[in-house]
Amino acid sequence: MYKHILLAADGSDNAIRAANEVVKLVSSMSDVTVQILFVVDPSKVKEEVLHSQNHEDIEFKRKQRLLPIQEPFENAHISYRLTITNGDPGSTIVEYAEQHQIELIVIGSRGLNTLQELVLGSVSHKVVKRAHCPVLIVK
């Protein structure tokens, strides 16, 4: 089965459901590495800065948004590694997967920004088109 799984997470409800699916997948497996990747979209940083008092406040809010993603892993005693990075979410997820020999990418079908999905195409669609490994999209 899979040994290296990447969960692309943004804190949305679909990302939480994707986290639960990863837990189901790996709970019966041994020797699996789960990596949770949160990509900070540069186009959203301005909004974060406007609604925050300082850099620490921004980091705190990002980590708070990811707590519901981490919770299923903690409850099931499944180890994971959380990475927060900057970039275009679609291409950054694919690049990360290639650099870390990811065998399966799990991603929610929709993220936090439904307007962007309608206008620019969704992150999950970009990942499916560009990834060199299987992608599981969770609704």
N, C-alpha and C. Protein backbone atom coordinates (compact mmCIF):
# COMPACT_ATOMS: atom_id res chain seq x y z
N MET A 1 0.84 -1.18 0.00
CA MET A 1 0.00 0.00 0.00
C MET A 1 0.88 1.25 0.00
N TYR A 2 0.31 2.37 0.31
CA TYR A 2 1.04 3.64 0.29
C TYR A 2 1.89 3.80 1.54
N LYS A 3 3.09 4.34 1.36
CA LYS A 3 3.99 4.60 2.49
C LYS A 3 4.14 6.09 2.78
N HIS A 4 3.91 6.92 1.75
CA HIS A 4 4.07 8.38 1.89
C HIS A 4 2.81 9.06 1.38
N ILE A 5 2.02 9.62 2.31
CA ILE A 5 0.75 10.25 1.97
C ILE A 5 0.82 11.72 2.33
N LEU A 6 0.35 12.54 1.40
CA LEU A 6 0.30 13.99 1.62
C LEU A 6 -1.16 14.42 1.73
N LEU A 7 -1.48 15.09 2.82
CA LEU A 7 -2.80 15.69 3.00
C LEU A 7 -2.64 17.19 2.78
N ALA A 8 -3.26 17.70 1.72
CA ALA A 8 -3.26 19.14 1.47
C ALA A 8 -4.42 19.74 2.25
N ALA A 9 -4.12 20.67 3.14
CA ALA A 9 -5.15 21.18 4.05
C ALA A 9 -5.17 22.69 4.07
N ASP A 10 -6.38 23.25 4.15
CA ASP A 10 -6.53 24.69 4.25
C ASP A 10 -7.45 25.11 5.39
N GLY A 11 -7.93 24.16 6.16
CA GLY A 11 -8.82 24.47 7.27
C GLY A 11 -10.28 24.44 6.91
N SER A 12 -10.62 24.16 5.66
CA SER A 12 -12.01 24.12 5.24
C SER A 12 -12.68 22.83 5.74
N ASP A 13 -14.02 22.80 5.63
CA ASP A 13 -14.76 21.60 6.03
C ASP A 13 -14.34 20.40 5.19
N ASN A 14 -14.11 20.61 3.90
CA ASN A 14 -13.69 19.50 3.04
C ASN A 14 -12.29 19.01 3.41
N ALA A 15 -11.44 19.90 3.88
CA ALA A 15 -10.11 19.48 4.32
C ALA A 15 -10.21 18.64 5.59
N ILE A 16 -11.14 18.97 6.45
CA ILE A 16 -11.37 18.18 7.66
C ILE A 16 -11.86 16.79 7.27
N ARG A 17 -12.79 16.73 6.32
CA ARG A 17 -13.27 15.43 5.86
C ARG A 17 -12.13 14.64 5.21
N ALA A 18 -11.26 15.33 4.47
CA ALA A 18 -10.11 14.66 3.86
C ALA A 18 -9.19 14.10 4.94
N ALA A 19 -8.99 14.84 6.02
CA ALA A 19 -8.17 14.35 7.13
C ALA A 19 -8.77 13.08 7.72
N ASN A 20 -10.08 13.06 7.89
CA ASN A 20 -10.74 11.87 8.42
C ASN A 20 -10.57 10.67 7.48
N GLU A 21 -10.58 10.91 6.18
CA GLU A 21 -10.37 9.82 5.22
C GLU A 21 -8.95 9.29 5.29
N VAL A 22 -7.98 10.17 5.48
CA VAL A 22 -6.60 9.73 5.61
C VAL A 22 -6.46 8.86 6.86
N VAL A 23 -7.08 9.28 7.94
CA VAL A 23 -7.03 8.48 9.18
C VAL A 23 -7.61 7.10 8.93
N LYS A 24 -8.74 7.02 8.22
CA LYS A 24 -9.32 5.71 7.89
C LYS A 24 -8.35 4.87 7.07
N LEU A 25 -7.71 5.51 6.10
CA LEU A 25 -6.77 4.79 5.23
C LEU A 25 -5.59 4.22 6.00
N VAL A 26 -4.98 5.04 6.83
CA VAL A 26 -3.72 4.64 7.46
C VAL A 26 -3.90 3.89 8.77
N SER A 27 -5.10 3.88 9.32
CA SER A 27 -5.28 3.21 10.62
C SER A 27 -5.00 1.72 10.54
N SER A 28 -5.16 1.13 9.38
CA SER A 28 -4.88 -0.30 9.25
C SER A 28 -3.53 -0.57 8.60
N MET A 29 -2.76 0.46 8.38
CA MET A 29 -1.44 0.31 7.75
C MET A 29 -0.34 0.51 8.79
N SER A 30 0.81 -0.03 8.47
CA SER A 30 1.96 0.23 9.33
C SER A 30 3.05 0.91 8.50
N ASP A 31 3.92 1.60 9.17
CA ASP A 31 5.06 2.25 8.53
C ASP A 31 4.63 3.24 7.44
N VAL A 32 3.65 4.09 7.78
CA VAL A 32 3.15 5.10 6.85
C VAL A 32 3.57 6.47 7.35
N THR A 33 4.03 7.30 6.43
CA THR A 33 4.38 8.67 6.75
C THR A 33 3.27 9.57 6.22
N VAL A 34 2.62 10.33 7.12
CA VAL A 34 1.59 11.28 6.72
C VAL A 34 2.16 12.68 6.87
N GLN A 35 2.06 13.43 5.80
CA GLN A 35 2.51 14.82 5.82
C GLN A 35 1.32 15.71 5.53
N ILE A 36 1.07 16.66 6.41
CA ILE A 36 0.00 17.64 6.22
C ILE A 36 0.66 18.91 5.72
N LEU A 37 0.17 19.40 4.58
CA LEU A 37 0.75 20.59 3.97
C LEU A 37 -0.31 21.69 3.91
N PHE A 38 0.02 22.83 4.49
CA PHE A 38 -0.82 24.02 4.40
C PHE A 38 -0.04 25.05 3.61
N VAL A 39 -0.60 25.46 2.47
CA VAL A 39 0.07 26.43 1.60
C VAL A 39 -0.59 27.79 1.79
N VAL A 40 0.20 28.77 2.20
CA VAL A 40 -0.29 30.13 2.37
C VAL A 40 -0.27 30.79 1.00
N ASP A 41 -1.45 31.14 0.51
CA ASP A 41 -1.59 31.78 -0.79
C ASP A 41 -1.19 33.25 -0.66
N PRO A 42 -0.19 33.71 -1.42
CA PRO A 42 0.25 35.11 -1.31
C PRO A 42 -0.87 36.11 -1.56
N SER A 43 -1.85 35.75 -2.37
CA SER A 43 -2.96 36.67 -2.65
C SER A 43 -3.85 36.89 -1.43
N LYS A 44 -3.76 36.02 -0.42
CA LYS A 44 -4.59 36.14 0.78
C LYS A 44 -3.84 36.75 1.96
N VAL A 45 -2.54 36.95 1.80
CA VAL A 45 -1.72 37.46 2.90
C VAL A 45 -2.14 38.88 3.27
N LYS A 46 -2.46 39.71 2.29
CA LYS A 46 -2.87 41.09 2.58
C LYS A 46 -4.08 41.12 3.49
N GLU A 47 -5.05 40.25 3.21
CA GLU A 47 -6.25 40.18 4.04
C GLU A 47 -5.90 39.74 5.46
N GLU A 48 -5.00 38.78 5.60
CA GLU A 48 -4.58 38.32 6.93
C GLU A 48 -3.91 39.46 7.71
N VAL A 49 -3.08 40.22 7.02
CA VAL A 49 -2.37 41.33 7.67
C VAL A 49 -3.36 42.39 8.14
N LEU A 50 -4.36 42.67 7.30
CA LEU A 50 -5.35 43.68 7.67
C LEU A 50 -6.17 43.28 8.89
N HIS A 51 -6.36 41.98 9.10
CA HIS A 51 -7.18 41.50 10.20
C HIS A 51 -6.36 41.04 11.41
N SER A 52 -5.07 41.29 11.39
CA SER A 52 -4.21 40.84 12.49
C SER A 52 -3.39 42.00 13.01
N GLN A 53 -2.93 41.85 14.24
CA GLN A 53 -2.15 42.91 14.86
C GLN A 53 -0.66 42.78 14.60
N ASN A 54 -0.18 41.54 14.45
CA ASN A 54 1.25 41.32 14.22
C ASN A 54 1.48 39.95 13.59
N HIS A 55 2.73 39.65 13.31
CA HIS A 55 3.08 38.39 12.66
C HIS A 55 2.72 37.18 13.52
N GLU A 56 2.92 37.30 14.82
CA GLU A 56 2.60 36.19 15.73
C GLU A 56 1.10 35.90 15.71
N ASP A 57 0.29 36.95 15.61
CA ASP A 57 -1.16 36.79 15.54
C ASP A 57 -1.56 36.04 14.27
N ILE A 58 -0.92 36.36 13.15
CA ILE A 58 -1.18 35.67 11.88
C ILE A 58 -0.83 34.20 12.01
N GLU A 59 0.34 33.90 12.55
CA GLU A 59 0.77 32.51 12.71
C GLU A 59 -0.18 31.75 13.63
N PHE A 60 -0.60 32.40 14.72
CA PHE A 60 -1.52 31.77 15.66
C PHE A 60 -2.83 31.42 14.98
N LYS A 61 -3.39 32.33 14.19
CA LYS A 61 -4.66 32.09 13.50
C LYS A 61 -4.53 30.97 12.48
N ARG A 62 -3.41 30.91 11.79
CA ARG A 62 -3.19 29.83 10.82
C ARG A 62 -3.16 28.48 11.54
N LYS A 63 -2.44 28.41 12.64
CA LYS A 63 -2.34 27.16 13.39
C LYS A 63 -3.69 26.77 14.00
N GLN A 64 -4.47 27.76 14.43
CA GLN A 64 -5.81 27.48 14.97
C GLN A 64 -6.70 26.89 13.88
N ARG A 65 -6.55 27.40 12.66
CA ARG A 65 -7.36 26.90 11.54
C ARG A 65 -7.02 25.45 11.23
N LEU A 66 -5.81 25.03 11.55
CA LEU A 66 -5.37 23.67 11.25
C LEU A 66 -5.63 22.67 12.38
N LEU A 67 -6.01 23.14 13.55
CA LEU A 67 -6.27 22.23 14.67
C LEU A 67 -7.31 21.16 14.35
N PRO A 68 -8.44 21.52 13.70
CA PRO A 68 -9.42 20.46 13.38
C PRO A 68 -8.89 19.44 12.36
N ILE A 69 -7.87 19.81 11.60
CA ILE A 69 -7.24 18.89 10.65
C ILE A 69 -6.36 17.90 11.42
N GLN A 70 -5.66 18.39 12.43
CA GLN A 70 -4.74 17.57 13.20
C GLN A 70 -5.46 16.66 14.20
N GLU A 71 -6.61 17.10 14.66
CA GLU A 71 -7.34 16.39 15.71
C GLU A 71 -7.61 14.90 15.41
N PRO A 72 -8.09 14.55 14.21
CA PRO A 72 -8.34 13.12 13.96
C PRO A 72 -7.07 12.26 14.06
N PHE A 73 -5.93 12.82 13.68
CA PHE A 73 -4.67 12.09 13.77
C PHE A 73 -4.26 11.90 15.24
N GLU A 74 -4.43 12.95 16.01
CA GLU A 74 -4.09 12.88 17.43
C GLU A 74 -5.00 11.87 18.15
N ASN A 75 -6.29 11.92 17.85
CA ASN A 75 -7.25 11.01 18.49
C ASN A 75 -6.96 9.55 18.14
N ALA A 76 -6.48 9.31 16.91
CA ALA A 76 -6.20 7.94 16.47
C ALA A 76 -4.75 7.54 16.74
N HIS A 77 -3.98 8.43 17.37
CA HIS A 77 -2.57 8.18 17.68
C HIS A 77 -1.77 7.86 16.43
N ILE A 78 -2.01 8.63 15.38
CA ILE A 78 -1.29 8.49 14.12
C ILE A 78 -0.32 9.66 14.01
N SER A 79 0.94 9.36 13.82
CA SER A 79 1.93 10.43 13.73
C SER A 79 1.84 11.10 12.35
N TYR A 80 2.17 12.37 12.34
CA TYR A 80 2.14 13.17 11.12
C TYR A 80 3.15 14.29 11.24
N ARG A 81 3.44 14.90 10.11
CA ARG A 81 4.31 16.08 10.11
C ARG A 81 3.55 17.20 9.44
N LEU A 82 3.49 18.35 10.09
CA LEU A 82 2.79 19.52 9.58
C LEU A 82 3.80 20.48 8.98
N THR A 83 3.55 20.90 7.74
CA THR A 83 4.40 21.87 7.08
C THR A 83 3.54 23.03 6.60
N ILE A 84 3.97 24.24 6.91
CA ILE A 84 3.32 25.45 6.42
C ILE A 84 4.30 26.14 5.50
N THR A 85 3.87 26.42 4.28
CA THR A 85 4.76 27.06 3.31
C THR A 85 3.97 28.09 2.51
N ASN A 86 4.66 28.91 1.76
CA ASN A 86 4.05 29.95 0.94
C ASN A 86 4.11 29.58 -0.52
N GLY A 87 3.12 30.03 -1.28
CA GLY A 87 3.15 29.83 -2.73
C GLY A 87 1.76 29.65 -3.29
N ASP A 88 1.70 29.47 -4.59
CA ASP A 88 0.45 29.15 -5.26
C ASP A 88 0.05 27.75 -4.81
N PRO A 89 -1.12 27.59 -4.20
CA PRO A 89 -1.46 26.28 -3.62
C PRO A 89 -1.36 25.10 -4.59
N GLY A 90 -1.94 25.21 -5.77
CA GLY A 90 -1.94 24.08 -6.70
C GLY A 90 -0.55 23.61 -7.07
N SER A 91 0.26 24.53 -7.55
CA SER A 91 1.61 24.14 -7.99
C SER A 91 2.52 23.79 -6.82
N THR A 92 2.34 24.44 -5.68
CA THR A 92 3.17 24.15 -4.51
C THR A 92 2.89 22.75 -3.98
N ILE A 93 1.64 22.34 -3.97
CA ILE A 93 1.29 20.99 -3.52
C ILE A 93 1.95 19.95 -4.41
N VAL A 94 1.86 20.15 -5.71
CA VAL A 94 2.46 19.21 -6.67
C VAL A 94 3.98 19.18 -6.52
N GLU A 95 4.61 20.33 -6.41
CA GLU A 95 6.07 20.39 -6.25
C GLU A 95 6.50 19.69 -4.95
N TYR A 96 5.78 19.94 -3.88
CA TYR A 96 6.09 19.31 -2.60
C TYR A 96 5.98 17.79 -2.72
N ALA A 97 4.93 17.34 -3.37
CA ALA A 97 4.72 15.89 -3.54
C ALA A 97 5.88 15.26 -4.32
N GLU A 98 6.33 15.94 -5.35
CA GLU A 98 7.45 15.41 -6.14
C GLU A 98 8.75 15.40 -5.34
N GLN A 99 9.00 16.46 -4.60
CA GLN A 99 10.24 16.57 -3.84
C GLN A 99 10.31 15.58 -2.68
N HIS A 100 9.16 15.15 -2.17
CA HIS A 100 9.14 14.27 -0.99
C HIS A 100 8.68 12.85 -1.32
N GLN A 101 8.72 12.49 -2.59
CA GLN A 101 8.36 11.13 -3.03
C GLN A 101 7.00 10.68 -2.49
N ILE A 102 6.03 11.58 -2.56
CA ILE A 102 4.68 11.27 -2.10
C ILE A 102 4.04 10.27 -3.06
N GLU A 103 3.36 9.28 -2.51
CA GLU A 103 2.72 8.25 -3.32
C GLU A 103 1.22 8.48 -3.48
N LEU A 104 0.62 9.30 -2.61
CA LEU A 104 -0.80 9.61 -2.69
C LEU A 104 -1.03 11.00 -2.11
N ILE A 105 -1.76 11.82 -2.87
CA ILE A 105 -2.17 13.14 -2.38
C ILE A 105 -3.66 13.06 -2.06
N VAL A 106 -4.02 13.53 -0.87
CA VAL A 106 -5.43 13.59 -0.48
C VAL A 106 -5.77 15.07 -0.29
N ILE A 107 -6.88 15.47 -0.92
CA ILE A 107 -7.25 16.89 -0.90
C ILE A 107 -8.76 17.01 -0.91
N GLY A 108 -9.27 18.04 -0.25
CA GLY A 108 -10.70 18.30 -0.28
C GLY A 108 -11.12 18.82 -1.64
N SER A 109 -12.37 18.58 -2.00
CA SER A 109 -12.85 18.97 -3.33
C SER A 109 -12.98 20.48 -3.47
N ARG A 110 -13.25 21.16 -2.39
CA ARG A 110 -13.36 22.62 -2.41
C ARG A 110 -12.68 23.18 -1.19
N GLY A 111 -12.08 24.36 -1.38
CA GLY A 111 -11.39 25.00 -0.28
C GLY A 111 -12.23 26.08 0.36
N LEU A 112 -11.56 27.06 0.90
CA LEU A 112 -12.23 28.14 1.61
C LEU A 112 -12.80 29.20 0.68
N ASN A 113 -12.34 29.28 -0.57
CA ASN A 113 -12.71 30.37 -1.45
C ASN A 113 -13.47 29.86 -2.66
N THR A 114 -14.81 29.80 -2.59
CA THR A 114 -15.59 29.26 -3.69
C THR A 114 -15.60 30.20 -4.90
N LEU A 115 -15.48 31.52 -4.69
CA LEU A 115 -15.43 32.44 -5.83
C LEU A 115 -14.20 32.15 -6.68
N GLN A 116 -13.05 31.94 -6.05
CA GLN A 116 -11.84 31.64 -6.79
C GLN A 116 -11.99 30.36 -7.59
N GLU A 117 -12.68 29.37 -7.03
CA GLU A 117 -12.88 28.12 -7.76
C GLU A 117 -13.66 28.36 -9.03
N LEU A 118 -14.66 29.23 -8.97
CA LEU A 118 -15.49 29.48 -10.14
C LEU A 118 -14.74 30.27 -11.21
N VAL A 119 -13.90 31.19 -10.78
CA VAL A 119 -13.22 32.07 -11.72
C VAL A 119 -11.92 31.48 -12.24
N LEU A 120 -11.08 30.96 -11.36
CA LEU A 120 -9.74 30.54 -11.74
C LEU A 120 -9.57 29.03 -11.86
N GLY A 121 -10.52 28.26 -11.40
CA GLY A 121 -10.33 26.81 -11.34
C GLY A 121 -9.84 26.43 -9.97
N SER A 122 -10.30 25.31 -9.47
CA SER A 122 -10.00 24.94 -8.09
C SER A 122 -8.60 24.39 -7.93
N VAL A 123 -8.10 24.47 -6.72
CA VAL A 123 -6.78 23.92 -6.39
C VAL A 123 -6.78 22.42 -6.63
N SER A 124 -7.85 21.76 -6.21
CA SER A 124 -7.89 20.31 -6.40
C SER A 124 -7.83 19.93 -7.87
N HIS A 125 -8.46 20.71 -8.72
CA HIS A 125 -8.41 20.44 -10.16
C HIS A 125 -6.99 20.61 -10.69
N LYS A 126 -6.31 21.66 -10.25
CA LYS A 126 -4.92 21.88 -10.67
C LYS A 126 -4.01 20.74 -10.22
N VAL A 127 -4.24 20.27 -8.99
CA VAL A 127 -3.41 19.19 -8.46
C VAL A 127 -3.63 17.92 -9.28
N VAL A 128 -4.89 17.60 -9.56
CA VAL A 128 -5.19 16.39 -10.34
C VAL A 128 -4.52 16.46 -11.72
N LYS A 129 -4.57 17.62 -12.34
CA LYS A 129 -3.99 17.77 -13.68
C LYS A 129 -2.47 17.63 -13.68
N ARG A 130 -1.81 18.08 -12.62
CA ARG A 130 -0.35 18.18 -12.64
C ARG A 130 0.38 17.11 -11.84
N ALA A 131 -0.29 16.45 -10.94
CA ALA A 131 0.37 15.50 -10.05
C ALA A 131 0.84 14.27 -10.82
N HIS A 132 1.97 13.71 -10.37
CA HIS A 132 2.52 12.50 -10.97
C HIS A 132 2.24 11.26 -10.12
N CYS A 133 1.30 11.40 -9.19
CA CYS A 133 0.91 10.28 -8.34
C CYS A 133 -0.61 10.30 -8.22
N PRO A 134 -1.22 9.26 -7.69
CA PRO A 134 -2.67 9.26 -7.50
C PRO A 134 -3.12 10.40 -6.56
N VAL A 135 -4.30 10.91 -6.84
CA VAL A 135 -4.89 11.97 -6.03
C VAL A 135 -6.28 11.52 -5.60
N LEU A 136 -6.55 11.58 -4.30
CA LEU A 136 -7.86 11.26 -3.77
C LEU A 136 -8.53 12.57 -3.41
N ILE A 137 -9.66 12.86 -4.07
CA ILE A 137 -10.41 14.09 -3.78
C ILE A 137 -11.59 13.71 -2.90
N VAL A 138 -11.71 14.40 -1.77
CA VAL A 138 -12.75 14.09 -0.79
C VAL A 138 -13.78 15.20 -0.80
N LYS A 139 -15.06 14.81 -0.90
CA LYS A 139 -16.17 15.78 -0.85
C LYS A 139 -16.71 15.88 0.55
